[in-house]
Amino acid sequence: MSDEDRLLGWLEENYKSLIFGLIIGLSMLFAYKAYISDKNMSQLTLSREYDVAVTAYKNGDNDLMLKYSEKNIVSHPSNIYTNLSNFYSAKIMYELGNYDDAYTFLDHIIEESDDNEIKDLAIYRKSKILIDEGKVDEALSILSDSENYQHIELKGDIFVLKGDYVNALQNYKDVLTFTITPNERKNIISKINLIK
């Protein structure tokens, strides 16, 4: 039997499986493309709604931003636009003196965001609000293990508020080991000189 006859024999025996496999493969490919398309469309919709909420916020209307955040905390908890809107919403709540709601928006970012820089910013802002409320020990505790130089500087500021100048100096000196801008370096050196 020649190779050609064997190939034809094999095809005759397996043509149903080949067709079935081809149909399954194409179905999976089209399903994946549909999934990606749907995901992209969802992201585009979130982006457009976010832009509308930001425009309303800039025009003095806070309600649209708050509604956007509240809706997407549930439906898209870790989406970048949810995180960004939560920063706006936390600011709105802070300005209204509603610190608990501001913490809720910031805590959501801290718990749900996959981006460490966004998480660090939320921790920083939450710490600043805690300091404003006089809860310096609580602010210090959420900054305790951070390797972010802004967090370390803020810890130094907290130690100054507590009158613990030794730890304040150490934190400020730690900040100087990071690559920071000349203005940031000048600011830290000024803080060190004020303590000495």
N, C-alpha and C. Protein backbone atom coordinates (compact mmCIF):
# COMPACT_ATOMS: atom_id res chain seq x y z
N MET A 1 0.86 -1.17 0.00
CA MET A 1 0.00 0.00 0.00
C MET A 1 0.90 1.23 0.00
N SER A 2 0.60 2.19 -0.86
CA SER A 2 1.43 3.38 -0.98
C SER A 2 1.06 4.39 0.11
N ASP A 3 1.93 5.36 0.27
CA ASP A 3 1.69 6.43 1.25
C ASP A 3 0.41 7.18 0.93
N GLU A 4 0.16 7.34 -0.35
CA GLU A 4 -1.03 8.06 -0.79
C GLU A 4 -2.30 7.29 -0.40
N ASP A 5 -2.26 5.96 -0.58
CA ASP A 5 -3.41 5.13 -0.21
C ASP A 5 -3.64 5.14 1.30
N ARG A 6 -2.55 5.10 2.05
CA ARG A 6 -2.69 5.14 3.52
C ARG A 6 -3.27 6.48 3.97
N LEU A 7 -2.84 7.58 3.36
CA LEU A 7 -3.36 8.89 3.71
C LEU A 7 -4.85 8.98 3.40
N LEU A 8 -5.23 8.49 2.22
CA LEU A 8 -6.65 8.49 1.85
C LEU A 8 -7.46 7.61 2.79
N GLY A 9 -6.91 6.48 3.18
CA GLY A 9 -7.59 5.59 4.12
C GLY A 9 -7.76 6.25 5.48
N TRP A 10 -6.72 6.90 5.91
CA TRP A 10 -6.80 7.59 7.21
C TRP A 10 -7.83 8.71 7.16
N LEU A 11 -7.85 9.47 6.07
CA LEU A 11 -8.82 10.56 5.91
C LEU A 11 -10.25 10.02 5.90
N GLU A 12 -10.45 8.89 5.21
CA GLU A 12 -11.79 8.29 5.18
C GLU A 12 -12.25 7.87 6.58
N GLU A 13 -11.33 7.37 7.39
CA GLU A 13 -11.67 6.94 8.74
C GLU A 13 -11.86 8.10 9.70
N ASN A 14 -11.15 9.21 9.47
CA ASN A 14 -11.11 10.29 10.46
C ASN A 14 -11.72 11.61 9.98
N TYR A 15 -12.36 11.63 8.83
CA TYR A 15 -12.84 12.91 8.31
C TYR A 15 -13.89 13.54 9.23
N LYS A 16 -14.72 12.74 9.89
CA LYS A 16 -15.72 13.30 10.81
C LYS A 16 -15.05 13.98 11.99
N SER A 17 -14.01 13.36 12.53
CA SER A 17 -13.29 13.95 13.66
C SER A 17 -12.59 15.23 13.24
N LEU A 18 -12.03 15.24 12.03
CA LEU A 18 -11.36 16.44 11.53
C LEU A 18 -12.34 17.59 11.37
N ILE A 19 -13.49 17.31 10.80
CA ILE A 19 -14.51 18.35 10.61
C ILE A 19 -15.00 18.84 11.97
N PHE A 20 -15.26 17.91 12.88
CA PHE A 20 -15.71 18.28 14.22
C PHE A 20 -14.66 19.15 14.92
N GLY A 21 -13.38 18.77 14.82
CA GLY A 21 -12.29 19.54 15.42
C GLY A 21 -12.18 20.92 14.82
N LEU A 22 -12.35 21.01 13.51
CA LEU A 22 -12.30 22.30 12.82
C LEU A 22 -13.44 23.20 13.29
N ILE A 23 -14.64 22.63 13.41
CA ILE A 23 -15.81 23.40 13.87
C ILE A 23 -15.59 23.88 15.30
N ILE A 24 -15.08 23.00 16.17
CA ILE A 24 -14.81 23.38 17.56
C ILE A 24 -13.75 24.49 17.61
N GLY A 25 -12.68 24.33 16.84
CA GLY A 25 -11.60 25.33 16.82
C GLY A 25 -12.10 26.69 16.34
N LEU A 26 -12.88 26.70 15.27
CA LEU A 26 -13.41 27.97 14.76
C LEU A 26 -14.39 28.59 15.76
N SER A 27 -15.19 27.75 16.40
CA SER A 27 -16.14 28.26 17.40
C SER A 27 -15.39 28.92 18.56
N MET A 28 -14.32 28.28 19.00
CA MET A 28 -13.54 28.85 20.10
C MET A 28 -12.89 30.16 19.68
N LEU A 29 -12.39 30.21 18.45
CA LEU A 29 -11.75 31.43 17.95
C LEU A 29 -12.76 32.57 17.89
N PHE A 30 -13.96 32.31 17.36
CA PHE A 30 -14.97 33.36 17.26
C PHE A 30 -15.49 33.76 18.64
N ALA A 31 -15.59 32.82 19.55
CA ALA A 31 -16.03 33.13 20.92
C ALA A 31 -15.00 34.03 21.61
N TYR A 32 -13.72 33.72 21.42
CA TYR A 32 -12.66 34.53 22.01
C TYR A 32 -12.68 35.94 21.43
N LYS A 33 -12.83 36.04 20.11
CA LYS A 33 -12.89 37.36 19.47
C LYS A 33 -14.08 38.16 19.98
N ALA A 34 -15.21 37.49 20.16
CA ALA A 34 -16.41 38.16 20.68
C ALA A 34 -16.17 38.64 22.12
N TYR A 35 -15.50 37.81 22.92
CA TYR A 35 -15.19 38.17 24.30
C TYR A 35 -14.30 39.41 24.34
N ILE A 36 -13.24 39.43 23.53
CA ILE A 36 -12.32 40.56 23.48
C ILE A 36 -13.05 41.82 23.01
N SER A 37 -13.88 41.66 22.00
CA SER A 37 -14.64 42.79 21.48
C SER A 37 -15.58 43.35 22.54
N ASP A 38 -16.25 42.47 23.27
CA ASP A 38 -17.16 42.90 24.34
C ASP A 38 -16.40 43.61 25.45
N LYS A 39 -15.24 43.07 25.79
CA LYS A 39 -14.42 43.68 26.84
C LYS A 39 -13.95 45.07 26.41
N ASN A 40 -13.52 45.21 25.17
CA ASN A 40 -13.09 46.50 24.65
C ASN A 40 -14.24 47.50 24.62
N MET A 41 -15.42 47.02 24.24
CA MET A 41 -16.59 47.90 24.20
C MET A 41 -16.97 48.34 25.60
N SER A 42 -16.88 47.44 26.56
CA SER A 42 -17.18 47.78 27.95
C SER A 42 -16.20 48.84 28.46
N GLN A 43 -14.93 48.67 28.15
CA GLN A 43 -13.91 49.64 28.57
C GLN A 43 -14.15 51.00 27.92
N LEU A 44 -14.53 50.99 26.66
CA LEU A 44 -14.82 52.24 25.95
C LEU A 44 -16.02 52.95 26.58
N THR A 45 -17.04 52.19 26.93
CA THR A 45 -18.22 52.77 27.58
C THR A 45 -17.85 53.37 28.94
N LEU A 46 -17.06 52.63 29.72
CA LEU A 46 -16.62 53.15 31.02
C LEU A 46 -15.81 54.44 30.85
N SER A 47 -14.97 54.47 29.85
CA SER A 47 -14.14 55.65 29.58
C SER A 47 -15.01 56.85 29.23
N ARG A 48 -15.98 56.64 28.37
CA ARG A 48 -16.85 57.76 27.96
C ARG A 48 -17.68 58.27 29.14
N GLU A 49 -18.23 57.35 29.93
CA GLU A 49 -19.01 57.76 31.10
C GLU A 49 -18.14 58.51 32.11
N TYR A 50 -16.90 58.05 32.26
CA TYR A 50 -15.96 58.73 33.17
C TYR A 50 -15.68 60.14 32.68
N ASP A 51 -15.44 60.30 31.38
CA ASP A 51 -15.18 61.63 30.82
C ASP A 51 -16.35 62.58 31.07
N VAL A 52 -17.56 62.08 30.91
CA VAL A 52 -18.75 62.89 31.16
C VAL A 52 -18.82 63.29 32.64
N ALA A 53 -18.50 62.34 33.53
CA ALA A 53 -18.53 62.63 34.97
C ALA A 53 -17.46 63.66 35.35
N VAL A 54 -16.28 63.56 34.75
CA VAL A 54 -15.21 64.53 35.04
C VAL A 54 -15.62 65.92 34.56
N THR A 55 -16.19 65.99 33.37
CA THR A 55 -16.64 67.28 32.84
C THR A 55 -17.69 67.89 33.77
N ALA A 56 -18.64 67.09 34.22
CA ALA A 56 -19.68 67.58 35.15
C ALA A 56 -19.03 68.06 36.44
N TYR A 57 -18.06 67.29 36.96
CA TYR A 57 -17.37 67.67 38.19
C TYR A 57 -16.67 69.02 38.02
N LYS A 58 -16.00 69.19 36.90
CA LYS A 58 -15.29 70.46 36.65
C LYS A 58 -16.26 71.63 36.53
N ASN A 59 -17.50 71.33 36.17
CA ASN A 59 -18.52 72.36 36.07
C ASN A 59 -19.32 72.52 37.35
N GLY A 60 -18.85 71.89 38.42
CA GLY A 60 -19.47 72.06 39.73
C GLY A 60 -20.55 71.06 40.09
N ASP A 61 -20.77 70.05 39.26
CA ASP A 61 -21.78 69.03 39.54
C ASP A 61 -21.09 67.77 40.03
N ASN A 62 -21.20 67.51 41.35
CA ASN A 62 -20.55 66.34 41.95
C ASN A 62 -21.36 65.06 41.84
N ASP A 63 -22.67 65.19 41.64
CA ASP A 63 -23.56 64.02 41.70
C ASP A 63 -23.21 62.96 40.67
N LEU A 64 -22.88 63.38 39.46
CA LEU A 64 -22.60 62.40 38.41
C LEU A 64 -21.36 61.57 38.74
N MET A 65 -20.34 62.21 39.32
CA MET A 65 -19.12 61.49 39.70
C MET A 65 -19.42 60.50 40.82
N LEU A 66 -20.18 60.94 41.81
CA LEU A 66 -20.51 60.05 42.93
C LEU A 66 -21.33 58.85 42.45
N LYS A 67 -22.29 59.09 41.57
CA LYS A 67 -23.11 58.00 41.04
C LYS A 67 -22.26 57.04 40.20
N TYR A 68 -21.35 57.59 39.40
CA TYR A 68 -20.46 56.76 38.58
C TYR A 68 -19.63 55.85 39.50
N SER A 69 -19.05 56.42 40.55
CA SER A 69 -18.24 55.62 41.48
C SER A 69 -19.06 54.53 42.14
N GLU A 70 -20.19 54.91 42.67
CA GLU A 70 -21.02 53.95 43.41
C GLU A 70 -21.48 52.80 42.51
N LYS A 71 -21.84 53.11 41.27
CA LYS A 71 -22.27 52.07 40.33
C LYS A 71 -21.12 51.12 39.99
N ASN A 72 -19.96 51.67 39.71
CA ASN A 72 -18.85 50.86 39.22
C ASN A 72 -18.06 50.17 40.32
N ILE A 73 -18.21 50.62 41.56
CA ILE A 73 -17.61 49.88 42.67
C ILE A 73 -18.18 48.47 42.70
N VAL A 74 -19.46 48.36 42.35
CA VAL A 74 -20.13 47.06 42.35
C VAL A 74 -19.87 46.32 41.05
N SER A 75 -20.07 47.00 39.91
CA SER A 75 -20.02 46.29 38.63
C SER A 75 -18.62 46.14 38.03
N HIS A 76 -17.70 47.05 38.36
CA HIS A 76 -16.33 46.98 37.83
C HIS A 76 -15.35 47.38 38.93
N PRO A 77 -15.23 46.58 39.98
CA PRO A 77 -14.49 47.01 41.18
C PRO A 77 -13.01 47.32 40.98
N SER A 78 -12.33 46.65 40.07
CA SER A 78 -10.90 46.89 39.93
C SER A 78 -10.53 47.65 38.67
N ASN A 79 -11.52 48.17 37.96
CA ASN A 79 -11.26 48.90 36.73
C ASN A 79 -10.56 50.23 37.04
N ILE A 80 -9.67 50.64 36.15
CA ILE A 80 -8.92 51.87 36.35
C ILE A 80 -9.84 53.08 36.45
N TYR A 81 -10.92 53.10 35.67
CA TYR A 81 -11.84 54.25 35.72
C TYR A 81 -12.61 54.29 37.04
N THR A 82 -12.89 53.15 37.61
CA THR A 82 -13.52 53.10 38.93
C THR A 82 -12.56 53.69 39.96
N ASN A 83 -11.29 53.30 39.89
CA ASN A 83 -10.30 53.83 40.82
C ASN A 83 -10.15 55.34 40.68
N LEU A 84 -10.07 55.82 39.45
CA LEU A 84 -9.91 57.26 39.24
C LEU A 84 -11.12 58.03 39.73
N SER A 85 -12.31 57.51 39.47
CA SER A 85 -13.52 58.20 39.94
C SER A 85 -13.60 58.16 41.47
N ASN A 86 -13.08 57.10 42.07
CA ASN A 86 -13.08 57.02 43.53
C ASN A 86 -12.19 58.09 44.15
N PHE A 87 -11.10 58.46 43.48
CA PHE A 87 -10.28 59.55 43.97
C PHE A 87 -11.08 60.86 43.99
N TYR A 88 -11.79 61.12 42.90
CA TYR A 88 -12.64 62.31 42.84
C TYR A 88 -13.71 62.26 43.94
N SER A 89 -14.35 61.10 44.07
CA SER A 89 -15.43 60.96 45.04
C SER A 89 -14.92 61.12 46.47
N ALA A 90 -13.74 60.60 46.75
CA ALA A 90 -13.14 60.76 48.07
C ALA A 90 -12.87 62.25 48.34
N LYS A 91 -12.40 62.95 47.33
CA LYS A 91 -12.14 64.39 47.48
C LYS A 91 -13.44 65.14 47.75
N ILE A 92 -14.49 64.79 47.02
CA ILE A 92 -15.79 65.43 47.23
C ILE A 92 -16.27 65.21 48.66
N MET A 93 -16.19 63.97 49.12
CA MET A 93 -16.64 63.65 50.48
C MET A 93 -15.78 64.36 51.53
N TYR A 94 -14.49 64.43 51.30
CA TYR A 94 -13.59 65.14 52.22
C TYR A 94 -13.96 66.61 52.31
N GLU A 95 -14.19 67.23 51.15
CA GLU A 95 -14.54 68.65 51.14
C GLU A 95 -15.88 68.91 51.81
N LEU A 96 -16.76 67.92 51.79
CA LEU A 96 -18.06 68.05 52.47
C LEU A 96 -17.95 67.71 53.96
N GLY A 97 -16.76 67.29 54.40
CA GLY A 97 -16.55 66.93 55.80
C GLY A 97 -17.05 65.54 56.14
N ASN A 98 -17.34 64.76 55.12
CA ASN A 98 -17.83 63.39 55.33
C ASN A 98 -16.65 62.43 55.19
N TYR A 99 -15.83 62.37 56.24
CA TYR A 99 -14.59 61.60 56.19
C TYR A 99 -14.83 60.10 56.04
N ASP A 100 -15.86 59.59 56.67
CA ASP A 100 -16.11 58.14 56.59
C ASP A 100 -16.36 57.69 55.15
N ASP A 101 -17.13 58.47 54.39
CA ASP A 101 -17.35 58.12 52.98
C ASP A 101 -16.08 58.31 52.16
N ALA A 102 -15.30 59.32 52.50
CA ALA A 102 -14.01 59.50 51.81
C ALA A 102 -13.13 58.27 52.03
N TYR A 103 -13.10 57.77 53.27
CA TYR A 103 -12.32 56.56 53.57
C TYR A 103 -12.86 55.36 52.78
N THR A 104 -14.17 55.28 52.65
CA THR A 104 -14.77 54.15 51.92
C THR A 104 -14.27 54.12 50.48
N PHE A 105 -14.26 55.26 49.82
CA PHE A 105 -13.78 55.32 48.43
C PHE A 105 -12.29 54.99 48.35
N LEU A 106 -11.51 55.52 49.27
CA LEU A 106 -10.07 55.25 49.25
C LEU A 106 -9.76 53.80 49.61
N ASP A 107 -10.49 53.26 50.59
CA ASP A 107 -10.28 51.85 50.96
C ASP A 107 -10.60 50.92 49.80
N HIS A 108 -11.60 51.27 49.02
CA HIS A 108 -11.94 50.44 47.87
C HIS A 108 -10.76 50.38 46.89
N ILE A 109 -10.13 51.52 46.66
CA ILE A 109 -8.95 51.55 45.77
C ILE A 109 -7.84 50.68 46.36
N ILE A 110 -7.59 50.85 47.65
CA ILE A 110 -6.50 50.10 48.31
C ILE A 110 -6.74 48.60 48.22
N GLU A 111 -7.98 48.19 48.37
CA GLU A 111 -8.30 46.75 48.35
C GLU A 111 -8.40 46.17 46.95
N GLU A 112 -8.86 46.95 45.99
CA GLU A 112 -9.19 46.38 44.67
C GLU A 112 -8.20 46.68 43.55
N SER A 113 -7.41 47.73 43.69
CA SER A 113 -6.54 48.11 42.58
C SER A 113 -5.39 47.13 42.39
N ASP A 114 -5.07 46.87 41.13
CA ASP A 114 -3.93 46.02 40.79
C ASP A 114 -2.66 46.86 40.58
N ASP A 115 -2.81 48.17 40.55
CA ASP A 115 -1.71 49.08 40.28
C ASP A 115 -1.14 49.60 41.61
N ASN A 116 0.11 49.29 41.89
CA ASN A 116 0.72 49.68 43.16
C ASN A 116 0.85 51.19 43.32
N GLU A 117 1.08 51.92 42.24
CA GLU A 117 1.19 53.38 42.33
C GLU A 117 -0.15 53.99 42.72
N ILE A 118 -1.23 53.48 42.16
CA ILE A 118 -2.56 53.98 42.50
C ILE A 118 -2.88 53.62 43.95
N LYS A 119 -2.53 52.41 44.34
CA LYS A 119 -2.73 51.99 45.73
C LYS A 119 -1.97 52.90 46.70
N ASP A 120 -0.70 53.18 46.37
CA ASP A 120 0.13 54.04 47.21
C ASP A 120 -0.47 55.44 47.34
N LEU A 121 -1.01 55.95 46.24
CA LEU A 121 -1.63 57.28 46.27
C LEU A 121 -2.86 57.28 47.17
N ALA A 122 -3.65 56.22 47.10
CA ALA A 122 -4.84 56.11 47.96
C ALA A 122 -4.43 56.03 49.43
N ILE A 123 -3.39 55.28 49.74
CA ILE A 123 -2.89 55.19 51.12
C ILE A 123 -2.41 56.56 51.60
N TYR A 124 -1.69 57.25 50.73
CA TYR A 124 -1.17 58.58 51.07
C TYR A 124 -2.32 59.55 51.37
N ARG A 125 -3.32 59.55 50.50
CA ARG A 125 -4.45 60.47 50.71
C ARG A 125 -5.26 60.10 51.96
N LYS A 126 -5.43 58.82 52.20
CA LYS A 126 -6.14 58.40 53.41
C LYS A 126 -5.36 58.84 54.65
N SER A 127 -4.05 58.70 54.61
CA SER A 127 -3.22 59.11 55.74
C SER A 127 -3.33 60.61 55.99
N LYS A 128 -3.37 61.39 54.93
CA LYS A 128 -3.50 62.85 55.08
C LYS A 128 -4.82 63.21 55.75
N ILE A 129 -5.90 62.52 55.38
CA ILE A 129 -7.19 62.79 56.01
C ILE A 129 -7.16 62.38 57.48
N LEU A 130 -6.55 61.23 57.77
CA LEU A 130 -6.44 60.79 59.15
C LEU A 130 -5.66 61.81 59.98
N ILE A 131 -4.61 62.37 59.41
CA ILE A 131 -3.83 63.38 60.11
C ILE A 131 -4.70 64.61 60.37
N ASP A 132 -5.47 65.02 59.36
CA ASP A 132 -6.38 66.16 59.54
C ASP A 132 -7.37 65.92 60.68
N GLU A 133 -7.76 64.68 60.84
CA GLU A 133 -8.70 64.34 61.91
C GLU A 133 -8.01 64.16 63.27
N GLY A 134 -6.68 64.25 63.26
CA GLY A 134 -5.95 64.06 64.51
C GLY A 134 -5.67 62.61 64.83
N LYS A 135 -5.90 61.72 63.88
CA LYS A 135 -5.67 60.29 64.09
C LYS A 135 -4.28 59.90 63.57
N VAL A 136 -3.27 60.52 64.18
CA VAL A 136 -1.91 60.35 63.67
C VAL A 136 -1.38 58.92 63.86
N ASP A 137 -1.76 58.26 64.93
CA ASP A 137 -1.30 56.88 65.14
C ASP A 137 -1.88 55.94 64.09
N GLU A 138 -3.14 56.16 63.74
CA GLU A 138 -3.76 55.34 62.69
C GLU A 138 -3.11 55.61 61.34
N ALA A 139 -2.81 56.89 61.07
CA ALA A 139 -2.12 57.24 59.82
C ALA A 139 -0.75 56.58 59.77
N LEU A 140 -0.05 56.62 60.89
CA LEU A 140 1.28 56.01 60.96
C LEU A 140 1.21 54.50 60.73
N SER A 141 0.16 53.87 61.25
CA SER A 141 0.06 52.42 61.11
C SER A 141 -0.18 51.99 59.66
N ILE A 142 -0.92 52.77 58.87
CA ILE A 142 -1.13 52.34 57.48
C ILE A 142 0.07 52.67 56.59
N LEU A 143 0.97 53.51 57.09
CA LEU A 143 2.19 53.83 56.34
C LEU A 143 3.38 52.99 56.78
N SER A 144 3.22 52.19 57.82
CA SER A 144 4.35 51.57 58.52
C SER A 144 5.30 50.76 57.66
N ASP A 145 4.81 49.95 56.76
CA ASP A 145 5.71 49.05 56.00
C ASP A 145 6.00 49.54 54.59
N SER A 146 5.68 50.76 54.29
CA SER A 146 5.78 51.24 52.92
C SER A 146 7.22 51.52 52.50
N GLU A 147 7.48 51.26 51.24
CA GLU A 147 8.78 51.57 50.63
C GLU A 147 8.65 52.77 49.69
N ASN A 148 7.54 53.48 49.75
CA ASN A 148 7.30 54.65 48.91
C ASN A 148 7.89 55.87 49.62
N TYR A 149 8.69 56.66 48.91
CA TYR A 149 9.39 57.76 49.58
C TYR A 149 8.43 58.84 50.08
N GLN A 150 7.29 59.01 49.41
CA GLN A 150 6.31 59.98 49.89
C GLN A 150 5.69 59.51 51.21
N HIS A 151 5.49 58.23 51.32
CA HIS A 151 4.97 57.67 52.57
C HIS A 151 6.00 57.84 53.70
N ILE A 152 7.26 57.62 53.37
CA ILE A 152 8.32 57.76 54.37
C ILE A 152 8.43 59.21 54.83
N GLU A 153 8.32 60.14 53.88
CA GLU A 153 8.34 61.56 54.24
C GLU A 153 7.15 61.90 55.15
N LEU A 154 5.98 61.38 54.80
CA LEU A 154 4.79 61.64 55.61
C LEU A 154 4.95 61.06 57.01
N LYS A 155 5.60 59.90 57.10
CA LYS A 155 5.88 59.33 58.43
C LYS A 155 6.77 60.30 59.22
N GLY A 156 7.76 60.88 58.55
CA GLY A 156 8.60 61.88 59.20
C GLY A 156 7.77 63.05 59.71
N ASP A 157 6.83 63.52 58.88
CA ASP A 157 5.95 64.62 59.29
C ASP A 157 5.12 64.24 60.51
N ILE A 158 4.64 63.01 60.53
CA ILE A 158 3.84 62.53 61.68
C ILE A 158 4.70 62.50 62.94
N PHE A 159 5.93 62.03 62.81
CA PHE A 159 6.81 62.00 63.98
C PHE A 159 7.09 63.41 64.50
N VAL A 160 7.20 64.38 63.58
CA VAL A 160 7.36 65.77 64.02
C VAL A 160 6.14 66.21 64.82
N LEU A 161 4.95 65.88 64.32
CA LEU A 161 3.72 66.23 65.04
C LEU A 161 3.69 65.60 66.44
N LYS A 162 4.25 64.41 66.54
CA LYS A 162 4.26 63.70 67.83
C LYS A 162 5.42 64.14 68.72
N GLY A 163 6.32 64.99 68.17
CA GLY A 163 7.47 65.44 68.95
C GLY A 163 8.60 64.44 68.99
N ASP A 164 8.55 63.43 68.15
CA ASP A 164 9.59 62.39 68.09
C ASP A 164 10.57 62.76 66.97
N TYR A 165 11.49 63.67 67.30
CA TYR A 165 12.39 64.21 66.28
C TYR A 165 13.45 63.23 65.81
N VAL A 166 13.80 62.28 66.63
CA VAL A 166 14.80 61.27 66.24
C VAL A 166 14.25 60.43 65.08
N ASN A 167 13.03 59.92 65.24
CA ASN A 167 12.42 59.14 64.16
C ASN A 167 12.08 60.00 62.95
N ALA A 168 11.71 61.25 63.19
CA ALA A 168 11.43 62.16 62.07
C ALA A 168 12.68 62.34 61.22
N LEU A 169 13.82 62.62 61.89
CA LEU A 169 15.09 62.78 61.16
C LEU A 169 15.45 61.53 60.38
N GLN A 170 15.28 60.38 61.00
CA GLN A 170 15.63 59.13 60.33
C GLN A 170 14.78 58.93 59.06
N ASN A 171 13.49 59.22 59.15
CA ASN A 171 12.62 59.08 57.98
C ASN A 171 12.99 60.08 56.89
N TYR A 172 13.29 61.32 57.26
CA TYR A 172 13.69 62.31 56.27
C TYR A 172 15.00 61.91 55.59
N LYS A 173 15.94 61.38 56.38
CA LYS A 173 17.21 60.93 55.81
C LYS A 173 16.98 59.73 54.87
N ASP A 174 16.04 58.87 55.24
CA ASP A 174 15.71 57.74 54.37
C ASP A 174 15.16 58.21 53.03
N VAL A 175 14.39 59.28 53.05
CA VAL A 175 13.84 59.81 51.80
C VAL A 175 14.98 60.25 50.88
N LEU A 176 16.04 60.82 51.45
CA LEU A 176 17.16 61.32 50.65
C LEU A 176 17.91 60.19 49.93
N THR A 177 17.68 58.94 50.30
CA THR A 177 18.34 57.82 49.62
C THR A 177 17.63 57.46 48.30
N PHE A 178 16.44 58.02 48.10
CA PHE A 178 15.68 57.76 46.87
C PHE A 178 16.09 58.75 45.79
N THR A 179 15.80 58.40 44.56
CA THR A 179 15.98 59.34 43.45
C THR A 179 14.76 60.25 43.43
N ILE A 180 14.96 61.49 43.84
CA ILE A 180 13.87 62.45 43.91
C ILE A 180 14.27 63.71 43.16
N THR A 181 13.31 64.57 42.89
CA THR A 181 13.60 65.80 42.15
C THR A 181 14.41 66.76 43.02
N PRO A 182 15.12 67.71 42.40
CA PRO A 182 15.87 68.70 43.18
C PRO A 182 14.99 69.49 44.16
N ASN A 183 13.77 69.81 43.75
CA ASN A 183 12.87 70.55 44.65
C ASN A 183 12.45 69.69 45.84
N GLU A 184 12.19 68.41 45.58
CA GLU A 184 11.84 67.50 46.68
C GLU A 184 13.01 67.36 47.65
N ARG A 185 14.21 67.25 47.11
CA ARG A 185 15.42 67.12 47.94
C ARG A 185 15.58 68.38 48.79
N LYS A 186 15.40 69.55 48.18
CA LYS A 186 15.53 70.82 48.89
C LYS A 186 14.50 70.91 50.03
N ASN A 187 13.28 70.44 49.77
CA ASN A 187 12.21 70.44 50.77
C ASN A 187 12.57 69.55 51.96
N ILE A 188 13.10 68.37 51.67
CA ILE A 188 13.48 67.43 52.74
C ILE A 188 14.63 68.00 53.57
N ILE A 189 15.60 68.59 52.90
CA ILE A 189 16.74 69.18 53.62
C ILE A 189 16.26 70.32 54.51
N SER A 190 15.30 71.10 54.04
CA SER A 190 14.72 72.18 54.86
C SER A 190 14.06 71.61 56.10
N LYS A 191 13.32 70.49 55.94
CA LYS A 191 12.67 69.86 57.08
C LYS A 191 13.72 69.36 58.08
N ILE A 192 14.80 68.80 57.58
CA ILE A 192 15.89 68.32 58.46
C ILE A 192 16.51 69.49 59.23
N ASN A 193 16.76 70.58 58.52
CA ASN A 193 17.39 71.75 59.16
C ASN A 193 16.49 72.38 60.21
N LEU A 194 15.19 72.34 60.01
CA LEU A 194 14.25 72.88 61.00
C LEU A 194 14.28 72.09 62.30
N ILE A 195 14.54 70.80 62.18
CA ILE A 195 14.57 69.94 63.37
C ILE A 195 15.87 70.11 64.14
N LYS A 196 16.96 70.25 63.42
CA LYS A 196 18.29 70.30 64.08
C LYS A 196 18.45 71.49 64.98
